[in-house]
Amino acid sequence: MSFVADLRVVLRGRDFRRLFGTRLVSQFSDGIFQFAVAGFAFFSPENQTTAIEVAAGLAVLLLPYSLLGPFVGVFIDRWPRRQILVVAPFVRGMLLLVAAGLVAADAPDPAFYAAALGVLGVNRFFLAALGASLPHVVPPERLMAANAVTPTSGTVITFVGAGVGFLLREIFGGDDTGVALLLVTSGVVFTMSTLVARTMDRQLLGPWSDPERPQARDALHNVVAGLSDGARHLVHRRMAAATMGAMAAHRFLYGMCTATGIILYRYYFSHGDPEAALRGISVVVAVSGVGYFLAVIVTPYATERFGIGLWVQIALVAAGVLAAVLILPFQEWGPPAAGFVLGVAGQSVKICADTTVQRDVEDIYRGRAFSIYDMLFNGMYVLAAALSALILPADGKSYAAVMIIGVGYAAAALVYRMVITPSSRAEVV
């Protein structure tokens, strides 16, 4: 298992362990927070959730990452990163207390969402600072291994945090008071990441002084121009662009699956019982997490055997066929099984996209390419939820939506094959 081997190698570094610990504590808190927001937005006994509200809730959770992502680097490269890791948790903790107070006081939903957006905006800076700090705590020869294990570990611990959030909700209750207590718990846990970050030297994580660095205003302007340059560069890197497009297609179709599953569990399967619906969707999330982790183990061997190009096609076709077959009976066992399949397939495509961008894009364009990647990853998901709001019926049972998902994955595989075919076969493998 390359994941275990890579983890064992990078954990030998003391400073890496401290930065890694900061990430794990913060993303564990993220899992609790995301579960609390999802429970409030989609499964609150006081709310009659509609597909439009699902789209709005998903937008709150993901838009800060899409909109702020390309611009945070301007400030991450100017502010002491270790101080960001120390101060940001306190800011986020205060915002979480505000959000908890708004929920407990039964304030209007837009006020809560505004506070939640603030929390996620701060978190975007925090995660960006973690990523930018990584080269300062591992030697160059171990950077690839560190990049392989940190995002995967963060994703897994987020799923664990969501599971703990589910257990705490059983204790606190599903009413507004219970949601408020979950938010407070998330804030307390996130603040603990400060204690880990403080063990690192103040100057350890950079950035180093650069007298030729442009002013922030000029740098922000350059971000927009840089994204355009990055997009033009990607056009000439067929394999990287195609695999990134496959990832974007998956995220769009996965977003439709998510919105459909939430409404199905909220009304069709549970007959309007929000607690039963939440338990059902929690099973889907847990099984999807298993699929994500399995993809991390399987994909290196699969790409060595089939090549990246063919493995992406297999993953997309399998996702479309199996998701449609499993969901179309509209039985409660279907979405968890489909969630597992989509977890394996989707994470496989993402790993391949990460690899091709890192491998094929020139270093001076790589940061901008990943900014575009980040915007597509979250933006397509939110766009899919918005489309689902227009086509889903009140109970979520939509043969049309499932067929769009199944055909969409097959079409994405076909387009991907057409794009990469003119290139040399050596590039595909």
Protein backbone atom coordinates (compact mmCIF):
# COMPACT_ATOMS: atom_id res chain seq x y z
CA MET A 1 0.00 0.00 0.00
CA SER A 2 1.76 3.14 -1.22
CA PHE A 3 -0.37 5.35 1.04
CA VAL A 4 0.87 3.62 4.20
CA ALA A 5 4.45 3.66 2.96
CA ASP A 6 4.29 7.37 2.09
CA LEU A 7 2.73 8.19 5.45
CA ARG A 8 5.43 6.28 7.31
CA VAL A 9 8.14 8.17 5.44
CA VAL A 10 6.86 11.71 5.97
CA LEU A 11 5.91 11.19 9.62
CA ARG A 12 9.59 10.90 10.45
CA GLY A 13 9.86 14.69 10.28
CA ARG A 14 9.04 16.49 13.55
CA ASP A 15 7.85 19.70 11.89
CA PHE A 16 5.74 17.76 9.41
CA ARG A 17 4.05 15.92 12.29
CA ARG A 18 3.12 19.26 13.86
CA LEU A 19 1.73 20.70 10.63
CA PHE A 20 -0.04 17.42 9.91
CA GLY A 21 -1.53 17.42 13.40
CA THR A 22 -2.81 20.96 12.85
CA ARG A 23 -4.53 19.79 9.66
CA LEU A 24 -6.09 16.71 11.25
CA VAL A 25 -7.55 18.63 14.20
CA SER A 26 -8.95 21.36 11.95
CA GLN A 27 -10.48 18.99 9.41
CA PHE A 28 -11.98 16.85 12.17
CA SER A 29 -13.69 20.04 13.31
CA ASP A 30 -14.77 20.67 9.70
CA GLY A 31 -16.56 17.34 9.67
CA ILE A 32 -18.57 18.27 12.77
CA PHE A 33 -19.34 21.71 11.33
CA GLN A 34 -20.43 20.40 7.93
CA PHE A 35 -22.66 17.81 9.58
CA ALA A 36 -24.23 20.53 11.75
CA VAL A 37 -24.91 22.77 8.74
CA ALA A 38 -26.30 19.86 6.72
CA GLY A 39 -28.54 18.80 9.59
CA PHE A 40 -29.81 22.36 10.05
CA ALA A 41 -30.30 23.07 6.34
CA PHE A 42 -31.64 19.73 5.14
CA PHE A 43 -32.97 17.70 8.08
CA SER A 44 -34.25 20.15 10.65
CA PRO A 45 -37.68 19.15 12.02
CA GLU A 46 -38.73 22.81 11.76
CA ASN A 47 -37.88 23.08 8.04
CA GLN A 48 -39.62 21.58 5.04
CA THR A 49 -36.55 21.24 2.85
CA THR A 50 -36.98 21.77 -0.90
CA ALA A 51 -34.54 21.14 -3.74
CA ILE A 52 -33.96 24.90 -3.93
CA GLU A 53 -32.97 24.96 -0.25
CA VAL A 54 -30.63 22.02 -0.85
CA ALA A 55 -28.94 23.98 -3.63
CA ALA A 56 -28.64 27.02 -1.35
CA GLY A 57 -27.16 24.94 1.46
CA LEU A 58 -24.59 23.32 -0.81
CA ALA A 59 -23.70 26.73 -2.21
CA VAL A 60 -23.01 28.00 1.31
CA LEU A 61 -20.74 25.04 1.98
CA LEU A 62 -18.75 25.26 -1.25
CA LEU A 63 -18.86 28.72 -2.84
CA PRO A 64 -16.19 30.23 -0.55
CA TYR A 65 -13.78 27.62 -1.85
CA SER A 66 -14.66 28.40 -5.48
CA LEU A 67 -14.72 32.19 -5.25
CA LEU A 68 -11.95 32.85 -2.75
CA GLY A 69 -9.60 30.08 -3.80
CA PRO A 70 -7.64 31.88 -6.54
CA PHE A 71 -7.20 35.04 -4.46
CA VAL A 72 -6.16 33.79 -1.03
CA GLY A 73 -2.64 33.05 -2.22
CA VAL A 74 -2.01 36.78 -2.61
CA PHE A 75 -2.35 37.18 1.16
CA ILE A 76 -0.93 33.79 2.14
CA ASP A 77 2.30 34.88 0.42
CA ARG A 78 2.38 38.14 2.44
CA TRP A 79 1.20 37.24 5.95
CA PRO A 80 3.23 34.99 8.30
CA ARG A 81 1.70 31.57 7.71
CA ARG A 82 2.36 30.26 11.18
CA GLN A 83 0.44 33.24 12.57
CA ILE A 84 -2.45 32.51 10.22
CA LEU A 85 -2.60 28.99 11.66
CA VAL A 86 -2.60 30.43 15.18
CA VAL A 87 -5.04 33.33 14.73
CA ALA A 88 -7.54 31.92 12.23
CA PRO A 89 -8.95 29.29 14.62
CA PHE A 90 -9.87 32.04 17.14
CA VAL A 91 -11.62 34.06 14.43
CA ARG A 92 -13.45 30.99 13.22
CA GLY A 93 -14.33 30.05 16.80
CA MET A 94 -15.93 33.45 17.40
CA LEU A 95 -17.89 33.20 14.17
CA LEU A 96 -19.09 29.74 15.18
CA LEU A 97 -20.29 31.15 18.51
CA VAL A 98 -22.18 33.81 16.57
CA ALA A 99 -23.70 31.17 14.31
CA ALA A 100 -24.67 29.05 17.34
CA GLY A 101 -26.29 32.08 18.96
CA LEU A 102 -28.27 32.81 15.80
CA VAL A 103 -29.55 29.24 15.65
CA ALA A 104 -30.44 29.16 19.34
CA ALA A 105 -32.26 32.50 19.01
CA ASP A 106 -34.21 31.21 15.99
CA ALA A 107 -32.85 34.04 13.84
CA PRO A 108 -33.77 34.15 10.13
CA ASP A 109 -31.96 31.56 8.04
CA PRO A 110 -30.10 34.15 5.89
CA ALA A 111 -28.39 35.47 9.04
CA PHE A 112 -27.16 31.98 9.90
CA TYR A 113 -25.95 31.36 6.36
CA ALA A 114 -24.06 34.65 6.40
CA ALA A 115 -22.24 33.56 9.57
CA ALA A 116 -21.57 30.14 8.05
CA LEU A 117 -20.10 31.78 4.95
CA GLY A 118 -17.78 33.77 7.23
CA VAL A 119 -16.68 30.58 8.95
CA LEU A 120 -15.91 28.90 5.64
CA GLY A 121 -14.15 31.97 4.28
CA VAL A 122 -11.77 31.95 7.24
CA ASN A 123 -11.31 28.21 6.79
CA ARG A 124 -10.29 28.76 3.16
CA PHE A 125 -7.39 30.94 4.30
CA PHE A 126 -6.47 28.36 6.93
CA LEU A 127 -6.35 25.45 4.48
CA ALA A 128 -4.44 27.50 1.91
CA ALA A 129 -1.86 28.37 4.57
CA LEU A 130 -1.50 24.68 5.42
CA GLY A 131 -0.88 23.82 1.77
CA ALA A 132 1.61 26.62 1.21
CA SER A 133 3.49 25.65 4.38
CA LEU A 134 4.09 22.04 3.40
CA PRO A 135 7.37 22.59 1.46
CA HIS A 136 8.82 24.23 4.60
CA VAL A 137 8.46 21.10 6.75
CA VAL A 138 9.50 18.29 4.37
CA PRO A 139 12.63 17.94 2.25
CA PRO A 140 12.14 18.20 -1.54
CA GLU A 141 12.57 14.48 -2.10
CA ARG A 142 9.63 13.76 0.23
CA LEU A 143 7.29 16.48 -1.01
CA MET A 144 5.46 14.20 -3.45
CA ALA A 145 4.81 11.66 -0.67
CA ALA A 146 3.57 14.44 1.62
CA ASN A 147 1.24 15.73 -1.10
CA ALA A 148 -0.10 12.22 -1.54
CA VAL A 149 -1.00 11.57 2.09
CA THR A 150 -2.12 14.94 3.49
CA PRO A 151 -5.27 15.57 1.36
CA THR A 152 -6.37 11.94 1.69
CA SER A 153 -5.86 11.94 5.45
CA GLY A 154 -7.71 15.24 5.69
CA THR A 155 -10.66 13.83 3.75
CA VAL A 156 -10.80 10.69 5.87
CA ILE A 157 -10.66 12.64 9.14
CA THR A 158 -13.42 14.93 7.87
CA PHE A 159 -15.61 11.86 7.39
CA VAL A 160 -14.69 10.77 10.92
CA GLY A 161 -15.65 14.22 12.23
CA ALA A 162 -19.00 13.96 10.46
CA GLY A 163 -19.54 10.59 12.11
CA VAL A 164 -18.78 12.07 15.52
CA GLY A 165 -21.16 14.91 14.67
CA PHE A 166 -23.87 12.32 14.04
CA LEU A 167 -23.23 10.68 17.41
CA LEU A 168 -23.23 14.04 19.21
CA ARG A 169 -26.51 14.94 17.52
CA GLU A 170 -28.03 11.82 19.03
CA ILE A 171 -26.98 13.18 22.44
CA PHE A 172 -27.72 16.87 21.93
CA GLY A 173 -30.92 16.38 19.93
CA GLY A 174 -31.91 17.51 16.46
CA ASP A 175 -33.58 20.78 17.42
CA ASP A 176 -32.04 24.24 17.21
CA THR A 177 -30.38 23.84 20.61
CA GLY A 178 -28.72 20.63 19.47
CA VAL A 179 -27.42 22.29 16.28
CA ALA A 180 -26.09 25.21 18.34
CA LEU A 181 -24.22 22.81 20.64
CA LEU A 182 -22.70 21.06 17.62
CA LEU A 183 -21.46 24.40 16.28
CA VAL A 184 -19.94 25.29 19.64
CA THR A 185 -18.24 21.87 19.80
CA SER A 186 -16.81 22.40 16.32
CA GLY A 187 -15.47 25.80 17.39
CA VAL A 188 -13.83 24.40 20.51
CA VAL A 189 -12.18 21.55 18.58
CA PHE A 190 -10.96 23.87 15.83
CA THR A 191 -9.43 26.22 18.39
CA MET A 192 -7.36 23.28 19.65
CA SER A 193 -5.47 23.35 16.35
CA THR A 194 -3.95 26.60 17.62
CA LEU A 195 -2.24 24.67 20.41
CA VAL A 196 -0.59 22.41 17.85
CA ALA A 197 0.37 25.28 15.52
CA ARG A 198 1.97 27.21 18.39
CA THR A 199 4.55 24.44 18.85
CA MET A 200 6.12 25.46 15.52
CA ASP A 201 8.68 28.25 15.28
CA ARG A 202 7.20 31.62 14.28
CA GLN A 203 9.43 31.89 11.17
CA LEU A 204 9.29 28.22 10.16
CA LEU A 205 6.52 28.40 7.56
CA GLY A 206 7.49 31.60 5.72
CA PRO A 207 6.94 33.50 3.56
CA TRP A 208 10.42 34.90 3.11
CA SER A 209 10.86 38.59 2.42
CA ASP A 210 10.98 39.51 -1.28
CA PRO A 211 11.58 43.18 -2.13
CA GLU A 212 10.55 42.58 -5.76
CA ARG A 213 7.18 41.13 -4.84
CA PRO A 214 4.31 43.22 -6.32
CA GLN A 215 1.89 45.14 -4.12
CA ALA A 216 -1.26 43.31 -3.06
CA ARG A 217 -3.47 45.41 -5.38
CA ASP A 218 -1.28 44.57 -8.38
CA ALA A 219 -1.12 40.94 -7.30
CA LEU A 220 -4.92 40.68 -7.13
CA HIS A 221 -5.16 42.08 -10.65
CA ASN A 222 -2.54 39.60 -11.76
CA VAL A 223 -4.63 36.72 -10.41
CA VAL A 224 -7.30 37.28 -13.06
CA ALA A 225 -4.73 37.61 -15.83
CA GLY A 226 -2.90 34.59 -14.46
CA LEU A 227 -6.01 32.41 -14.57
CA SER A 228 -6.42 33.28 -18.25
CA ASP A 229 -2.78 32.38 -18.90
CA GLY A 230 -3.23 29.12 -17.01
CA ALA A 231 -6.32 28.22 -19.04
CA ARG A 232 -4.48 28.89 -22.31
CA HIS A 233 -1.59 26.74 -21.15
CA LEU A 234 -3.95 23.88 -20.26
CA VAL A 235 -5.46 23.92 -23.74
CA HIS A 236 -2.09 22.78 -25.07
CA ARG A 237 -1.71 20.05 -22.42
CA ARG A 238 -4.35 17.70 -23.80
CA MET A 239 -4.07 14.93 -21.22
CA ALA A 240 -4.11 17.25 -18.21
CA ALA A 241 -6.99 19.32 -19.58
CA ALA A 242 -9.02 16.24 -20.50
CA THR A 243 -8.57 14.58 -17.12
CA MET A 244 -9.43 17.82 -15.33
CA GLY A 245 -12.56 17.98 -17.51
CA ALA A 246 -13.43 14.41 -16.53
CA MET A 247 -13.11 15.40 -12.88
CA ALA A 248 -15.38 18.42 -13.47
CA ALA A 249 -17.97 16.22 -15.20
CA HIS A 250 -17.91 13.79 -12.28
CA ARG A 251 -18.37 16.60 -9.78
CA PHE A 252 -21.38 17.91 -11.71
CA LEU A 253 -23.05 14.51 -11.87
CA TYR A 254 -22.07 13.70 -8.28
CA GLY A 255 -23.71 16.98 -7.25
CA MET A 256 -26.94 15.83 -8.92
CA CYS A 257 -26.67 12.52 -7.06
CA THR A 258 -26.20 14.36 -3.77
CA ALA A 259 -29.20 16.64 -4.24
CA THR A 260 -31.36 13.72 -5.40
CA GLY A 261 -30.29 11.56 -2.47
CA ILE A 262 -31.00 14.27 0.11
CA ILE A 263 -34.53 14.85 -1.17
CA LEU A 264 -35.20 11.12 -1.57
CA TYR A 265 -34.24 10.41 2.02
CA ARG A 266 -35.99 13.52 3.32
CA TYR A 267 -39.37 12.64 1.83
CA TYR A 268 -39.62 9.48 -0.32
CA PHE A 269 -37.83 6.96 1.90
CA SER A 270 -38.58 8.46 5.31
CA HIS A 271 -42.07 9.82 4.55
CA GLY A 272 -41.09 13.19 5.97
CA ASP A 273 -39.38 11.97 9.16
CA PRO A 274 -36.21 14.12 9.34
CA GLU A 275 -34.44 11.91 11.90
CA ALA A 276 -34.91 8.78 9.79
CA ALA A 277 -33.77 10.75 6.74
CA LEU A 278 -30.61 11.93 8.48
CA ARG A 279 -29.74 8.42 9.62
CA GLY A 280 -30.20 7.16 6.06
CA ILE A 281 -28.05 9.84 4.43
CA SER A 282 -25.41 9.34 7.14
CA VAL A 283 -25.07 5.72 6.01
CA VAL A 284 -24.56 6.94 2.43
CA VAL A 285 -21.84 9.36 3.56
CA ALA A 286 -20.07 6.69 5.62
CA VAL A 287 -20.10 4.14 2.79
CA SER A 288 -18.90 6.82 0.34
CA GLY A 289 -15.98 7.51 2.68
CA VAL A 290 -15.01 3.84 2.51
CA GLY A 291 -15.10 4.12 -1.28
CA TYR A 292 -12.88 7.20 -1.21
CA PHE A 293 -10.27 5.41 0.86
CA LEU A 294 -10.41 2.26 -1.27
CA ALA A 295 -9.74 4.38 -4.37
CA VAL A 296 -6.53 5.64 -2.79
CA ILE A 297 -5.33 2.04 -2.48
CA VAL A 298 -6.62 0.74 -5.83
CA THR A 299 -5.81 3.61 -8.20
CA PRO A 300 -1.97 3.35 -8.16
CA TYR A 301 -2.19 -0.33 -9.13
CA ALA A 302 -4.99 0.25 -11.66
CA THR A 303 -3.16 3.07 -13.44
CA GLU A 304 -0.01 0.98 -13.57
CA ARG A 305 -1.99 -1.85 -15.15
CA PHE A 306 -4.31 0.10 -17.49
CA GLY A 307 -2.76 3.56 -17.75
CA ILE A 308 -4.42 6.78 -16.59
CA GLY A 309 -6.43 7.28 -19.78
CA LEU A 310 -8.14 3.89 -19.73
CA TRP A 311 -8.65 3.85 -15.95
CA VAL A 312 -10.48 7.19 -16.06
CA GLN A 313 -12.77 5.83 -18.77
CA ILE A 314 -13.44 2.66 -16.78
CA ALA A 315 -14.21 4.70 -13.65
CA LEU A 316 -16.63 7.03 -15.47
CA VAL A 317 -18.51 4.26 -17.29
CA ALA A 318 -18.74 2.12 -14.15
CA ALA A 319 -20.01 5.11 -12.18
CA GLY A 320 -22.75 5.84 -14.71
CA VAL A 321 -23.95 2.28 -15.27
CA LEU A 322 -23.85 1.13 -11.65
CA ALA A 323 -25.29 4.36 -10.21
CA ALA A 324 -28.27 4.17 -12.57
CA VAL A 325 -28.85 0.46 -11.93
CA LEU A 326 -28.61 0.86 -8.17
CA ILE A 327 -30.73 4.01 -7.80
CA LEU A 328 -33.51 3.33 -10.36
CA PRO A 329 -35.41 0.81 -8.18
CA PHE A 330 -35.72 3.65 -5.64
CA GLN A 331 -35.14 1.37 -2.68
CA GLU A 332 -33.29 2.45 0.45
CA TRP A 333 -30.39 0.07 -0.19
CA GLY A 334 -29.69 1.74 -3.55
CA PRO A 335 -28.14 5.10 -2.59
CA PRO A 336 -25.59 3.62 -0.13
CA ALA A 337 -24.44 1.11 -2.76
CA ALA A 338 -24.30 3.87 -5.36
CA GLY A 339 -22.44 6.09 -2.90
CA PHE A 340 -19.75 3.44 -2.52
CA VAL A 341 -19.37 3.09 -6.30
CA LEU A 342 -19.23 6.85 -6.81
CA GLY A 343 -16.76 7.20 -3.95
CA VAL A 344 -14.36 4.75 -5.61
CA ALA A 345 -14.89 6.08 -9.13
CA GLY A 346 -14.88 9.77 -8.25
CA GLN A 347 -11.77 9.64 -6.09
CA SER A 348 -10.03 7.56 -8.76
CA VAL A 349 -10.72 10.26 -11.35
CA LYS A 350 -9.57 12.96 -8.93
CA ILE A 351 -6.29 11.18 -8.21
CA CYS A 352 -5.69 10.84 -11.95
CA ALA A 353 -6.49 14.52 -12.47
CA ASP A 354 -4.10 15.52 -9.66
CA THR A 355 -1.38 13.38 -11.19
CA THR A 356 -1.73 14.62 -14.77
CA VAL A 357 -1.76 18.28 -13.71
CA GLN A 358 1.34 17.78 -11.54
CA ARG A 359 3.05 15.77 -14.29
CA ASP A 360 2.14 17.59 -17.51
CA VAL A 361 1.71 21.25 -16.55
CA GLU A 362 4.87 23.34 -16.44
CA ASP A 363 5.88 24.40 -12.95
CA ILE A 364 5.38 28.12 -13.57
CA TYR A 365 1.75 27.45 -14.54
CA ARG A 366 0.99 24.72 -12.01
CA GLY A 367 -0.40 26.98 -9.27
CA ARG A 368 -2.76 28.69 -11.70
CA ALA A 369 -3.83 25.34 -13.12
CA PHE A 370 -4.74 24.11 -9.63
CA SER A 371 -6.67 27.34 -9.00
CA ILE A 372 -8.79 26.57 -12.06
CA TYR A 373 -9.04 22.98 -10.83
CA ASP A 374 -10.30 24.15 -7.44
CA MET A 375 -12.93 26.41 -8.99
CA LEU A 376 -14.20 23.59 -11.21
CA PHE A 377 -14.18 21.05 -8.39
CA ASN A 378 -16.57 23.05 -6.22
CA GLY A 379 -18.33 25.22 -8.79
CA MET A 380 -19.59 22.29 -10.88
CA TYR A 381 -21.00 20.67 -7.75
CA VAL A 382 -22.97 23.80 -6.85
CA LEU A 383 -24.13 24.21 -10.48
CA ALA A 384 -25.46 20.65 -10.44
CA ALA A 385 -27.40 21.30 -7.24
CA ALA A 386 -28.94 24.39 -8.86
CA LEU A 387 -30.01 22.36 -11.91
CA SER A 388 -31.42 19.66 -9.65
CA ALA A 389 -33.57 22.29 -7.94
CA LEU A 390 -35.26 22.90 -11.29
CA ILE A 391 -35.95 19.29 -12.28
CA LEU A 392 -36.47 17.33 -9.04
CA PRO A 393 -40.04 16.67 -7.86
CA ALA A 394 -41.00 17.33 -4.25
CA ASP A 395 -40.21 13.76 -3.11
CA GLY A 396 -36.99 13.43 -5.16
CA LYS A 397 -38.14 10.39 -7.17
CA SER A 398 -37.06 11.38 -10.66
CA TYR A 399 -36.32 8.87 -13.39
CA ALA A 400 -35.15 11.76 -15.56
CA ALA A 401 -32.51 12.83 -13.03
CA VAL A 402 -31.15 9.29 -12.71
CA MET A 403 -30.99 8.89 -16.47
CA ILE A 404 -29.17 12.21 -16.82
CA ILE A 405 -26.63 10.93 -14.29
CA GLY A 406 -26.17 7.56 -16.02
CA VAL A 407 -25.99 8.95 -19.56
CA GLY A 408 -23.88 11.89 -18.38
CA TYR A 409 -21.11 9.66 -17.03
CA ALA A 410 -21.07 7.60 -20.25
CA ALA A 411 -20.97 10.78 -22.34
CA ALA A 412 -18.13 12.15 -20.21
CA ALA A 413 -16.14 8.95 -20.81
CA LEU A 414 -16.77 9.17 -24.56
CA VAL A 415 -15.74 12.83 -24.79
CA TYR A 416 -12.67 12.12 -22.68
CA ARG A 417 -11.64 9.32 -25.03
CA MET A 418 -12.17 11.53 -28.08
CA VAL A 419 -10.01 14.29 -26.59
CA ILE A 420 -7.07 12.10 -25.63
CA THR A 421 -7.11 9.82 -28.69
CA PRO A 422 -5.29 12.23 -31.06
CA SER A 423 -2.39 12.43 -28.62
CA SER A 424 0.31 9.83 -28.54
CA ARG A 425 -0.44 6.61 -26.74
CA ALA A 426 2.59 7.15 -24.59
CA GLU A 427 0.92 10.20 -23.10
CA VAL A 428 -2.22 8.21 -22.28
CA VAL A 429 -0.29 5.73 -20.19
